[in-house]
Amino acid sequence: MRYIYERQSNTIATELSTLTIEMMRKLPLHLREELRRSSQYLDIKTTNQAIQLIRRTHFEIAEALQLLVDEFSFDQIIKLLNDSEGIQD
């Protein structure tokens, strides 16, 4: 059981390291706003819809975001968005 948890944690860390502030800045403002709003409300359905829109033009970013949603790491998504826009927590 411990091995599975460690493996999941390592996967999340790997995906986070691939998502950068610069990558998040590439997303159109309306998608970042939708992603932030749905993440703040922990709304999986709406967050997944935003990720589907992102996937059309930024596949790699969408895949990394999807992993975070699958792991319920909405706080990490919000942090990335805030950091990309210079917003203090």
PDB file of N, CA and C in Angstrom:
ATOM      1  N   MET A   1       0.822  -1.184   0.000  1.00  0.00           N
ATOM      2  CA  MET A   1       0.000   0.000   0.000  1.00  0.00           C
ATOM      3  C   MET A   1       0.866   1.247   0.000  1.00  0.00           C
ATOM      4  N   ARG A   2       1.912   1.260   0.728  1.00  0.00           N
ATOM      5  CA  ARG A   2       2.786   2.427   0.794  1.00  0.00           C
ATOM      6  C   ARG A   2       3.418   2.701  -0.563  1.00  0.00           C
ATOM      7  N   TYR A   3       3.814   1.691  -1.266  1.00  0.00           N
ATOM      8  CA  TYR A   3       4.444   1.844  -2.569  1.00  0.00           C
ATOM      9  C   TYR A   3       3.511   2.557  -3.555  1.00  0.00           C
ATOM     10  N   ILE A   4       2.255   2.193  -3.568  1.00  0.00           N
ATOM     11  CA  ILE A   4       1.298   2.819  -4.474  1.00  0.00           C
ATOM     12  C   ILE A   4       1.185   4.310  -4.166  1.00  0.00           C
ATOM     13  N   TYR A   5       1.084   4.655  -2.906  1.00  0.00           N
ATOM     14  CA  TYR A   5       0.975   6.056  -2.519  1.00  0.00           C
ATOM     15  C   TYR A   5       2.221   6.826  -2.946  1.00  0.00           C
ATOM     16  N   GLU A   6       3.382   6.252  -2.698  1.00  0.00           N
ATOM     17  CA  GLU A   6       4.625   6.925  -3.082  1.00  0.00           C
ATOM     18  C   GLU A   6       4.694   7.104  -4.587  1.00  0.00           C
ATOM     19  N   ARG A   7       4.242   6.116  -5.320  1.00  0.00           N
ATOM     20  CA  ARG A   7       4.274   6.208  -6.776  1.00  0.00           C
ATOM     21  C   ARG A   7       3.347   7.318  -7.248  1.00  0.00           C
ATOM     22  N   GLN A   8       2.162   7.433  -6.672  1.00  0.00           N
ATOM     23  CA  GLN A   8       1.231   8.498  -7.046  1.00  0.00           C
ATOM     24  C   GLN A   8       1.811   9.856  -6.714  1.00  0.00           C
ATOM     25  N   SER A   9       2.431   9.987  -5.559  1.00  0.00           N
ATOM     26  CA  SER A   9       3.033  11.255  -5.167  1.00  0.00           C
ATOM     27  C   SER A   9       4.141  11.649  -6.123  1.00  0.00           C
ATOM     28  N   ASN A  10       4.943  10.669  -6.535  1.00  0.00           N
ATOM     29  CA  ASN A  10       6.019  10.945  -7.483  1.00  0.00           C
ATOM     30  C   ASN A  10       5.459  11.363  -8.833  1.00  0.00           C
ATOM     31  N   THR A  11       4.355  10.763  -9.248  1.00  0.00           N
ATOM     32  CA  THR A  11       3.731  11.119 -10.514  1.00  0.00           C
ATOM     33  C   THR A  11       3.238  12.552 -10.472  1.00  0.00           C
ATOM     34  N   ILE A  12       2.606  12.930  -9.382  1.00  0.00           N
ATOM     35  CA  ILE A  12       2.115  14.299  -9.237  1.00  0.00           C
ATOM     36  C   ILE A  12       3.293  15.270  -9.257  1.00  0.00           C
ATOM     37  N   ALA A  13       4.344  14.955  -8.532  1.00  0.00           N
ATOM     38  CA  ALA A  13       5.520  15.826  -8.502  1.00  0.00           C
ATOM     39  C   ALA A  13       6.116  15.979  -9.890  1.00  0.00           C
ATOM     40  N   THR A  14       6.144  14.890 -10.654  1.00  0.00           N
ATOM     41  CA  THR A  14       6.666  14.944 -12.011  1.00  0.00           C
ATOM     42  C   THR A  14       5.806  15.843 -12.880  1.00  0.00           C
ATOM     43  N   GLU A  15       4.490  15.704 -12.794  1.00  0.00           N
ATOM     44  CA  GLU A  15       3.595  16.539 -13.594  1.00  0.00           C
ATOM     45  C   GLU A  15       3.701  17.997 -13.186  1.00  0.00           C
ATOM     46  N   LEU A  16       3.834  18.257 -11.889  1.00  0.00           N
ATOM     47  CA  LEU A  16       3.967  19.645 -11.441  1.00  0.00           C
ATOM     48  C   LEU A  16       5.251  20.255 -11.979  1.00  0.00           C
ATOM     49  N   SER A  17       6.302  19.463 -12.036  1.00  0.00           N
ATOM     50  CA  SER A  17       7.561  19.994 -12.535  1.00  0.00           C
ATOM     51  C   SER A  17       7.488  20.282 -14.031  1.00  0.00           C
ATOM     52  N   THR A  18       6.560  19.604 -14.747  1.00  0.00           N
ATOM     53  CA  THR A  18       6.418  19.881 -16.167  1.00  0.00           C
ATOM     54  C   THR A  18       5.529  21.087 -16.416  1.00  0.00           C
ATOM     55  N   LEU A  19       4.671  21.412 -15.474  1.00  0.00           N
ATOM     56  CA  LEU A  19       3.822  22.605 -15.590  1.00  0.00           C
ATOM     57  C   LEU A  19       4.588  23.790 -15.035  1.00  0.00           C
ATOM     58  N   THR A  20       4.787  24.780 -15.863  1.00  0.00           N
ATOM     59  CA  THR A  20       5.515  25.965 -15.419  1.00  0.00           C
ATOM     60  C   THR A  20       4.604  27.185 -15.472  1.00  0.00           C
ATOM     61  N   ILE A  21       5.054  28.219 -14.827  1.00  0.00           N
ATOM     62  CA  ILE A  21       4.316  29.481 -14.860  1.00  0.00           C
ATOM     63  C   ILE A  21       4.182  29.964 -16.304  1.00  0.00           C
ATOM     64  N   GLU A  22       5.261  29.809 -17.068  1.00  0.00           N
ATOM     65  CA  GLU A  22       5.244  30.251 -18.461  1.00  0.00           C
ATOM     66  C   GLU A  22       4.216  29.468 -19.279  1.00  0.00           C
ATOM     67  N   MET A  23       4.088  28.189 -19.000  1.00  0.00           N
ATOM     68  CA  MET A  23       3.102  27.376 -19.713  1.00  0.00           C
ATOM     69  C   MET A  23       1.692  27.848 -19.396  1.00  0.00           C
ATOM     70  N   MET A  24       1.445  28.151 -18.137  1.00  0.00           N
ATOM     71  CA  MET A  24       0.114  28.612 -17.748  1.00  0.00           C
ATOM     72  C   MET A  24      -0.203  29.956 -18.400  1.00  0.00           C
ATOM     73  N   ARG A  25       0.820  30.784 -18.574  1.00  0.00           N
ATOM     74  CA  ARG A  25       0.626  32.094 -19.218  1.00  0.00           C
ATOM     75  C   ARG A  25       0.241  31.961 -20.688  1.00  0.00           C
ATOM     76  N   LYS A  26       0.540  30.827 -21.288  1.00  0.00           N
ATOM     77  CA  LYS A  26       0.190  30.596 -22.690  1.00  0.00           C
ATOM     78  C   LYS A  26      -1.312  30.413 -22.885  1.00  0.00           C
ATOM     79  N   LEU A  27      -1.990  30.051 -21.806  1.00  0.00           N
ATOM     80  CA  LEU A  27      -3.425  29.809 -21.913  1.00  0.00           C
ATOM     81  C   LEU A  27      -4.171  31.133 -22.041  1.00  0.00           C
ATOM     82  N   PRO A  28      -5.200  31.168 -22.862  1.00  0.00           N
ATOM     83  CA  PRO A  28      -6.011  32.388 -22.974  1.00  0.00           C
ATOM     84  C   PRO A  28      -6.613  32.757 -21.615  1.00  0.00           C
ATOM     85  N   LEU A  29      -6.758  34.042 -21.397  1.00  0.00           N
ATOM     86  CA  LEU A  29      -7.252  34.538 -20.115  1.00  0.00           C
ATOM     87  C   LEU A  29      -8.597  33.922 -19.733  1.00  0.00           C
ATOM     88  N   HIS A  30      -9.518  33.796 -20.685  1.00  0.00           N
ATOM     89  CA  HIS A  30     -10.843  33.254 -20.344  1.00  0.00           C
ATOM     90  C   HIS A  30     -10.757  31.798 -19.865  1.00  0.00           C
ATOM     91  N   LEU A  31      -9.798  31.032 -20.383  1.00  0.00           N
ATOM     92  CA  LEU A  31      -9.635  29.649 -19.921  1.00  0.00           C
ATOM     93  C   LEU A  31      -8.991  29.604 -18.541  1.00  0.00           C
ATOM     94  N   ARG A  32      -8.035  30.495 -18.306  1.00  0.00           N
ATOM     95  CA  ARG A  32      -7.427  30.551 -16.963  1.00  0.00           C
ATOM     96  C   ARG A  32      -8.471  30.954 -15.929  1.00  0.00           C
ATOM     97  N   GLU A  33      -9.318  31.908 -16.281  1.00  0.00           N
ATOM     98  CA  GLU A  33     -10.356  32.338 -15.341  1.00  0.00           C
ATOM     99  C   GLU A  33     -11.351  31.220 -15.062  1.00  0.00           C
ATOM    100  N   GLU A  34     -11.755  30.501 -16.094  1.00  0.00           N
ATOM    101  CA  GLU A  34     -12.694  29.385 -15.909  1.00  0.00           C
ATOM    102  C   GLU A  34     -12.058  28.279 -15.075  1.00  0.00           C
ATOM    103  N   LEU A  35     -10.803  27.997 -15.343  1.00  0.00           N
ATOM    104  CA  LEU A  35     -10.081  26.973 -14.593  1.00  0.00           C
ATOM    105  C   LEU A  35      -9.947  27.375 -13.127  1.00  0.00           C
ATOM    106  N   ARG A  36      -9.639  28.637 -12.877  1.00  0.00           N
ATOM    107  CA  ARG A  36      -9.521  29.118 -11.494  1.00  0.00           C
ATOM    108  C   ARG A  36     -10.869  29.031 -10.774  1.00  0.00           C
ATOM    109  N   ARG A  37     -11.903  29.524 -11.406  1.00  0.00           N
ATOM    110  CA  ARG A  37     -13.233  29.533 -10.785  1.00  0.00           C
ATOM    111  C   ARG A  37     -13.689  28.104 -10.444  1.00  0.00           C
ATOM    112  N   SER A  38     -13.560  27.207 -11.393  1.00  0.00           N
ATOM    113  CA  SER A  38     -14.017  25.835 -11.144  1.00  0.00           C
ATOM    114  C   SER A  38     -13.140  25.133 -10.109  1.00  0.00           C
ATOM    115  N   SER A  39     -11.857  25.448 -10.088  1.00  0.00           N
ATOM    116  CA  SER A  39     -10.955  24.849  -9.092  1.00  0.00           C
ATOM    117  C   SER A  39     -11.248  25.371  -7.699  1.00  0.00           C
ATOM    118  N   GLN A  40     -11.562  26.652  -7.592  1.00  0.00           N
ATOM    119  CA  GLN A  40     -11.888  27.220  -6.289  1.00  0.00           C
ATOM    120  C   GLN A  40     -13.138  26.589  -5.692  1.00  0.00           C
ATOM    121  N   TYR A  41     -14.077  26.214  -6.548  1.00  0.00           N
ATOM    122  CA  TYR A  41     -15.311  25.576  -6.087  1.00  0.00           C
ATOM    123  C   TYR A  41     -15.208  24.052  -6.049  1.00  0.00           C
ATOM    124  N   LEU A  42     -14.021  23.533  -6.366  1.00  0.00           N
ATOM    125  CA  LEU A  42     -13.783  22.083  -6.397  1.00  0.00           C
ATOM    126  C   LEU A  42     -14.790  21.395  -7.314  1.00  0.00           C
ATOM    127  N   ASP A  43     -15.111  22.042  -8.407  1.00  0.00           N
ATOM    128  CA  ASP A  43     -16.101  21.556  -9.360  1.00  0.00           C
ATOM    129  C   ASP A  43     -15.404  20.714 -10.435  1.00  0.00           C
ATOM    130  N   ILE A  44     -15.421  19.424 -10.235  1.00  0.00           N
ATOM    131  CA  ILE A  44     -14.710  18.512 -11.130  1.00  0.00           C
ATOM    132  C   ILE A  44     -15.266  18.584 -12.548  1.00  0.00           C
ATOM    133  N   LYS A  45     -16.575  18.599 -12.673  1.00  0.00           N
ATOM    134  CA  LYS A  45     -17.191  18.598 -14.005  1.00  0.00           C
ATOM    135  C   LYS A  45     -16.785  19.828 -14.812  1.00  0.00           C
ATOM    136  N   THR A  46     -16.909  21.001 -14.224  1.00  0.00           N
ATOM    137  CA  THR A  46     -16.577  22.231 -14.930  1.00  0.00           C
ATOM    138  C   THR A  46     -15.073  22.349 -15.167  1.00  0.00           C
ATOM    139  N   THR A  47     -14.273  21.873 -14.218  1.00  0.00           N
ATOM    140  CA  THR A  47     -12.825  21.879 -14.408  1.00  0.00           C
ATOM    141  C   THR A  47     -12.446  20.971 -15.577  1.00  0.00           C
ATOM    142  N   ASN A  48     -13.058  19.811 -15.653  1.00  0.00           N
ATOM    143  CA  ASN A  48     -12.792  18.908 -16.774  1.00  0.00           C
ATOM    144  C   ASN A  48     -13.215  19.522 -18.105  1.00  0.00           C
ATOM    145  N   GLN A  49     -14.307  20.275 -18.097  1.00  0.00           N
ATOM    146  CA  GLN A  49     -14.740  20.946 -19.328  1.00  0.00           C
ATOM    147  C   GLN A  49     -13.717  21.988 -19.765  1.00  0.00           C
ATOM    148  N   ALA A  50     -13.184  22.732 -18.810  1.00  0.00           N
ATOM    149  CA  ALA A  50     -12.147  23.724 -19.126  1.00  0.00           C
ATOM    150  C   ALA A  50     -10.896  23.033 -19.665  1.00  0.00           C
ATOM    151  N   ILE A  51     -10.541  21.914 -19.076  1.00  0.00           N
ATOM    152  CA  ILE A  51      -9.368  21.169 -19.532  1.00  0.00           C
ATOM    153  C   ILE A  51      -9.584  20.639 -20.944  1.00  0.00           C
ATOM    154  N   GLN A  52     -10.787  20.220 -21.261  1.00  0.00           N
ATOM    155  CA  GLN A  52     -11.087  19.765 -22.625  1.00  0.00           C
ATOM    156  C   GLN A  52     -10.863  20.892 -23.632  1.00  0.00           C
ATOM    157  N   LEU A  53     -11.252  22.091 -23.276  1.00  0.00           N
ATOM    158  CA  LEU A  53     -11.020  23.241 -24.157  1.00  0.00           C
ATOM    159  C   LEU A  53      -9.525  23.528 -24.291  1.00  0.00           C
ATOM    160  N   ILE A  54      -8.795  23.426 -23.195  1.00  0.00           N
ATOM    161  CA  ILE A  54      -7.348  23.640 -23.210  1.00  0.00           C
ATOM    162  C   ILE A  54      -6.669  22.582 -24.071  1.00  0.00           C
ATOM    163  N   ARG A  55      -7.157  21.346 -23.999  1.00  0.00           N
ATOM    164  CA  ARG A  55      -6.562  20.224 -24.726  1.00  0.00           C
ATOM    165  C   ARG A  55      -6.534  20.466 -26.241  1.00  0.00           C
ATOM    166  N   ARG A  56      -7.483  21.235 -26.747  1.00  0.00           N
ATOM    167  CA  ARG A  56      -7.552  21.495 -28.188  1.00  0.00           C
ATOM    168  C   ARG A  56      -6.309  22.196 -28.721  1.00  0.00           C
ATOM    169  N   THR A  57      -5.730  23.060 -27.910  1.00  0.00           N
ATOM    170  CA  THR A  57      -4.576  23.828 -28.384  1.00  0.00           C
ATOM    171  C   THR A  57      -3.307  23.636 -27.559  1.00  0.00           C
ATOM    172  N   HIS A  58      -3.442  23.104 -26.349  1.00  0.00           N
ATOM    173  CA  HIS A  58      -2.294  22.925 -25.451  1.00  0.00           C
ATOM    174  C   HIS A  58      -2.386  21.547 -24.793  1.00  0.00           C
ATOM    175  N   PHE A  59      -2.153  20.514 -25.580  1.00  0.00           N
ATOM    176  CA  PHE A  59      -2.344  19.137 -25.129  1.00  0.00           C
ATOM    177  C   PHE A  59      -1.524  18.813 -23.880  1.00  0.00           C
ATOM    178  N   GLU A  60      -0.258  19.167 -23.881  1.00  0.00           N
ATOM    179  CA  GLU A  60       0.624  18.823 -22.762  1.00  0.00           C
ATOM    180  C   GLU A  60       0.157  19.479 -21.456  1.00  0.00           C
ATOM    181  N   ILE A  61      -0.239  20.722 -21.532  1.00  0.00           N
ATOM    182  CA  ILE A  61      -0.737  21.430 -20.350  1.00  0.00           C
ATOM    183  C   ILE A  61      -2.019  20.755 -19.847  1.00  0.00           C
ATOM    184  N   ALA A  62      -2.906  20.420 -20.766  1.00  0.00           N
ATOM    185  CA  ALA A  62      -4.169  19.782 -20.394  1.00  0.00           C
ATOM    186  C   ALA A  62      -3.935  18.435 -19.711  1.00  0.00           C
ATOM    187  N   GLU A  63      -3.006  17.663 -20.217  1.00  0.00           N
ATOM    188  CA  GLU A  63      -2.727  16.351 -19.614  1.00  0.00           C
ATOM    189  C   GLU A  63      -2.212  16.502 -18.187  1.00  0.00           C
ATOM    190  N   ALA A  64      -1.315  17.454 -17.977  1.00  0.00           N
ATOM    191  CA  ALA A  64      -0.781  17.676 -16.630  1.00  0.00           C
ATOM    192  C   ALA A  64      -1.876  18.179 -15.692  1.00  0.00           C
ATOM    193  N   LEU A  65      -2.716  19.085 -16.184  1.00  0.00           N
ATOM    194  CA  LEU A  65      -3.831  19.575 -15.368  1.00  0.00           C
ATOM    195  C   LEU A  65      -4.808  18.452 -15.038  1.00  0.00           C
ATOM    196  N   GLN A  66      -5.052  17.572 -15.994  1.00  0.00           N
ATOM    197  CA  GLN A  66      -5.987  16.470 -15.760  1.00  0.00           C
ATOM    198  C   GLN A  66      -5.507  15.565 -14.635  1.00  0.00           C
ATOM    199  N   LEU A  67      -4.212  15.322 -14.599  1.00  0.00           N
ATOM    200  CA  LEU A  67      -3.667  14.501 -13.518  1.00  0.00           C
ATOM    201  C   LEU A  67      -3.911  15.166 -12.161  1.00  0.00           C
ATOM    202  N   LEU A  68      -3.735  16.483 -12.103  1.00  0.00           N
ATOM    203  CA  LEU A  68      -3.981  17.186 -10.851  1.00  0.00           C
ATOM    204  C   LEU A  68      -5.450  17.080 -10.434  1.00  0.00           C
ATOM    205  N   VAL A  69      -6.354  17.209 -11.388  1.00  0.00           N
ATOM    206  CA  VAL A  69      -7.781  17.070 -11.081  1.00  0.00           C
ATOM    207  C   VAL A  69      -8.078  15.647 -10.614  1.00  0.00           C
ATOM    208  N   ASP A  70      -7.517  14.669 -11.296  1.00  0.00           N
ATOM    209  CA  ASP A  70      -7.741  13.268 -10.917  1.00  0.00           C
ATOM    210  C   ASP A  70      -7.271  12.980  -9.499  1.00  0.00           C
ATOM    211  N   GLU A  71      -6.283  13.740  -9.038  1.00  0.00           N
ATOM    212  CA  GLU A  71      -5.756  13.566  -7.682  1.00  0.00           C
ATOM    213  C   GLU A  71      -6.366  14.576  -6.702  1.00  0.00           C
ATOM    214  N   PHE A  72      -7.382  15.318  -7.169  1.00  0.00           N
ATOM    215  CA  PHE A  72      -8.049  16.331  -6.348  1.00  0.00           C
ATOM    216  C   PHE A  72      -7.077  17.392  -5.828  1.00  0.00           C
ATOM    217  N   SER A  73      -6.098  17.744  -6.645  1.00  0.00           N
ATOM    218  CA  SER A  73      -5.086  18.738  -6.277  1.00  0.00           C
ATOM    219  C   SER A  73      -5.462  20.118  -6.825  1.00  0.00           C
ATOM    220  N   PHE A  74      -6.666  20.539  -6.505  1.00  0.00           N
ATOM    221  CA  PHE A  74      -7.149  21.830  -6.981  1.00  0.00           C
ATOM    222  C   PHE A  74      -6.304  22.980  -6.439  1.00  0.00           C
ATOM    223  N   ASP A  75      -5.777  22.808  -5.229  1.00  0.00           N
ATOM    224  CA  ASP A  75      -4.930  23.849  -4.649  1.00  0.00           C
ATOM    225  C   ASP A  75      -3.691  24.088  -5.495  1.00  0.00           C
ATOM    226  N   GLN A  76      -3.151  23.032  -6.088  1.00  0.00           N
ATOM    227  CA  GLN A  76      -1.976  23.183  -6.946  1.00  0.00           C
ATOM    228  C   GLN A  76      -2.317  23.919  -8.239  1.00  0.00           C
ATOM    229  N   ILE A  77      -3.488  23.649  -8.770  1.00  0.00           N
ATOM    230  CA  ILE A  77      -3.937  24.345  -9.982  1.00  0.00           C
ATOM    231  C   ILE A  77      -4.083  25.838  -9.687  1.00  0.00           C
ATOM    232  N   ILE A  78      -4.717  26.158  -8.576  1.00  0.00           N
ATOM    233  CA  ILE A  78      -4.913  27.557  -8.200  1.00  0.00           C
ATOM    234  C   ILE A  78      -3.566  28.248  -7.977  1.00  0.00           C
ATOM    235  N   LYS A  79      -2.646  27.555  -7.329  1.00  0.00           N
ATOM    236  CA  LYS A  79      -1.317  28.132  -7.089  1.00  0.00           C
ATOM    237  C   LYS A  79      -0.613  28.425  -8.411  1.00  0.00           C
ATOM    238  N   LEU A  80      -0.644  27.495  -9.340  1.00  0.00           N
ATOM    239  CA  LEU A  80      -0.020  27.716 -10.644  1.00  0.00           C
ATOM    240  C   LEU A  80      -0.641  28.908 -11.365  1.00  0.00           C
ATOM    241  N   LEU A  81      -1.958  28.991 -11.335  1.00  0.00           N
ATOM    242  CA  LEU A  81      -2.638  30.108 -11.973  1.00  0.00           C
ATOM    243  C   LEU A  81      -2.273  31.435 -11.303  1.00  0.00           C
ATOM    244  N   ASN A  82      -2.282  31.456  -9.990  1.00  0.00           N
ATOM    245  CA  ASN A  82      -1.943  32.678  -9.262  1.00  0.00           C
ATOM    246  C   ASN A  82      -0.506  33.094  -9.537  1.00  0.00           C
ATOM    247  N   ASP A  83       0.409  32.137  -9.483  1.00  0.00           N
ATOM    248  CA  ASP A  83       1.820  32.443  -9.747  1.00  0.00           C
ATOM    249  C   ASP A  83       2.012  32.962 -11.170  1.00  0.00           C
ATOM    250  N   SER A  84       1.268  32.420 -12.114  1.00  0.00           N
ATOM    251  CA  SER A  84       1.422  32.851 -13.503  1.00  0.00           C
ATOM    252  C   SER A  84       0.922  34.274 -13.718  1.00  0.00           C
ATOM    253  N   GLU A  85       0.059  34.738 -12.822  1.00  0.00           N
ATOM    254  CA  GLU A  85      -0.489  36.092 -12.947  1.00  0.00           C
ATOM    255  C   GLU A  85       0.018  37.028 -11.856  1.00  0.00           C
ATOM    256  N   GLY A  86       0.981  36.541 -11.063  1.00  0.00           N
ATOM    257  CA  GLY A  86       1.562  37.384 -10.029  1.00  0.00           C
ATOM    258  C   GLY A  86       0.623  37.691  -8.890  1.00  0.00           C
ATOM    259  N   ILE A  87      -0.346  36.813  -8.650  1.00  0.00           N
ATOM    260  CA  ILE A  87      -1.313  37.011  -7.560  1.00  0.00           C
ATOM    261  C   ILE A  87      -0.763  36.348  -6.295  1.00  0.00           C
ATOM    262  N   GLN A  88      -0.769  37.098  -5.206  1.00  0.00           N
ATOM    263  CA  GLN A  88      -0.305  36.571  -3.917  1.00  0.00           C
ATOM    264  C   GLN A  88      -1.409  35.736  -3.279  1.00  0.00           C
ATOM    265  N   ASP A  89      -1.010  34.640  -2.636  1.00  0.00           N
ATOM    266  CA  ASP A  89      -1.988  33.789  -1.933  1.00  0.00           C
ATOM    267  C   ASP A  89      -2.474  34.460  -0.675  1.00  0.00           C
TER     268      ASP A  89
END
